[in-house]
Protein backbone atom coordinates (compact mmCIF):
# COMPACT_ATOMS: atom_id res chain seq x y z
CA MET A 1 115.42 142.56 -43.04
CA LYS A 2 115.98 146.20 -42.19
CA PRO A 3 112.99 148.57 -42.48
CA ASP A 4 114.69 150.36 -45.40
CA ASP A 5 114.96 147.04 -47.25
CA ALA A 6 111.29 146.12 -46.79
CA PRO A 7 109.17 146.22 -49.92
CA SER A 8 106.73 149.12 -50.14
CA TYR A 9 103.54 147.08 -50.46
CA GLY A 10 101.46 150.25 -50.37
CA LYS A 11 102.50 150.97 -53.96
CA TRP A 12 101.73 147.47 -55.24
CA SER A 13 98.66 146.66 -57.29
CA TRP A 14 95.98 144.28 -56.03
CA GLU A 15 97.33 141.66 -58.45
CA GLU A 16 100.92 142.07 -57.21
CA LEU A 17 99.79 141.79 -53.58
CA SER A 18 97.76 138.69 -54.36
CA LYS A 19 100.72 137.14 -56.17
CA ALA A 20 103.06 137.96 -53.24
CA GLU A 21 100.57 136.43 -50.81
CA ASN A 22 100.22 133.29 -52.93
CA THR A 23 104.00 133.00 -53.31
CA ALA A 24 104.50 133.32 -49.54
CA SER A 25 101.76 130.78 -48.89
CA GLN A 26 103.22 128.33 -51.38
CA PHE A 27 106.73 128.77 -49.96
CA LEU A 28 105.55 128.10 -46.40
CA GLU A 29 103.48 125.11 -47.53
CA GLU A 30 106.32 123.58 -49.56
CA ASN A 31 108.86 124.12 -46.80
CA SER A 32 106.66 123.53 -43.75
CA THR A 33 108.25 120.19 -42.89
CA GLN A 34 111.80 121.52 -43.15
CA ILE A 35 110.90 124.66 -41.17
CA ALA A 36 109.25 122.58 -38.44
CA ASP A 37 112.15 120.12 -38.34
CA THR A 38 114.66 122.94 -37.95
CA MET A 39 112.65 124.42 -35.10
CA ARG A 40 112.28 120.98 -33.46
CA VAL A 41 116.07 120.55 -33.45
CA LYS A 42 116.40 123.83 -31.57
CA LEU A 43 113.67 122.78 -29.16
CA ARG A 44 115.42 119.46 -28.51
CA PHE A 45 118.63 121.30 -27.73
CA LEU A 46 116.68 123.58 -25.38
CA GLU A 47 115.24 120.52 -23.65
CA THR A 48 118.75 119.10 -23.19
CA LEU A 49 119.98 122.37 -21.71
CA ILE A 50 117.00 122.62 -19.38
CA GLN A 51 117.59 119.04 -18.24
CA ARG A 52 121.23 119.87 -17.50
CA LEU A 53 120.14 122.95 -15.55
CA SER A 54 118.06 120.76 -13.27
CA LEU A 55 120.92 118.46 -12.30
CA LYS A 56 122.30 119.01 -8.81
CA THR A 57 125.76 118.16 -10.13
CA THR A 58 125.76 121.04 -12.61
CA THR A 59 128.34 123.63 -11.65
CA PHE A 60 127.64 127.31 -11.33
CA GLU A 61 129.77 128.09 -14.39
CA ASP A 62 127.96 125.45 -16.43
CA ARG A 63 124.59 126.85 -15.37
CA LEU A 64 125.64 130.30 -16.57
CA ASP A 65 126.76 128.79 -19.87
CA TYR A 66 123.46 126.90 -20.23
CA PHE A 67 121.43 130.03 -19.52
CA ALA A 68 123.42 131.90 -22.18
CA ARG A 69 122.81 129.08 -24.68
CA VAL A 70 119.09 128.96 -23.83
CA SER A 71 118.90 132.69 -24.44
CA GLU A 72 120.73 132.36 -27.76
CA ILE A 73 118.48 129.55 -28.97
CA ALA A 74 115.38 131.44 -27.85
CA ARG A 75 116.53 134.43 -29.93
CA LEU A 76 117.11 132.16 -32.93
CA LEU A 77 113.64 130.66 -32.59
CA GLU A 78 112.13 134.12 -32.23
CA SER A 79 114.02 135.32 -35.29
CA ASP A 80 112.88 132.31 -37.32
CA ALA A 81 109.25 132.73 -36.29
CA ASP A 82 109.30 136.51 -36.83
CA GLY A 83 110.92 136.11 -40.24
CA PHE A 84 108.41 133.57 -41.49
CA PHE A 85 105.52 135.54 -40.02
CA GLU A 86 106.74 138.72 -41.71
CA LEU A 87 107.22 136.93 -45.02
CA ALA A 88 103.63 135.73 -45.01
CA SER A 89 101.84 138.57 -43.27
CA GLN A 90 103.11 141.71 -44.97
CA PRO A 91 101.35 141.18 -48.31
CA VAL A 92 98.18 140.07 -46.49
CA VAL A 93 98.16 143.13 -44.25
CA ALA A 94 98.91 145.42 -47.20
CA ARG A 95 96.04 143.87 -49.17
CA ILE A 96 93.64 144.33 -46.24
CA LEU A 97 94.77 147.92 -45.70
CA GLY A 98 94.23 148.56 -49.39
CA THR A 99 90.52 147.92 -48.87
CA VAL A 100 90.21 150.51 -46.09
CA PRO A 101 89.17 153.92 -47.39
CA PRO A 102 91.56 156.73 -46.40
CA GLN A 103 90.38 158.92 -43.55
CA ARG A 104 89.40 162.43 -44.49
CA ALA A 105 90.99 165.34 -42.69
CA ALA A 106 88.56 167.06 -40.34
């Protein structure tokens, strides 16, 4: 999600923020097994690549390819984790910030 596409939680009511938080929580709970399974598949592929990297018979070209694939999978895992974290945390953070009184100009 691009910053311009992000919802402006600062303008949401307490009720809207609470509903968004509950919706995110419910989504993650209902899909936790599928999310974890998807991440495990990527981790298994990483393990296979790392095992291949350790073999003395692995060629230089193959090692470069494996490093590139490890990097790609790591980015996918990071993107997945960041996306799910953002989904769940933004309404929570906005709700918390809504309880902080604005600072007065000195």
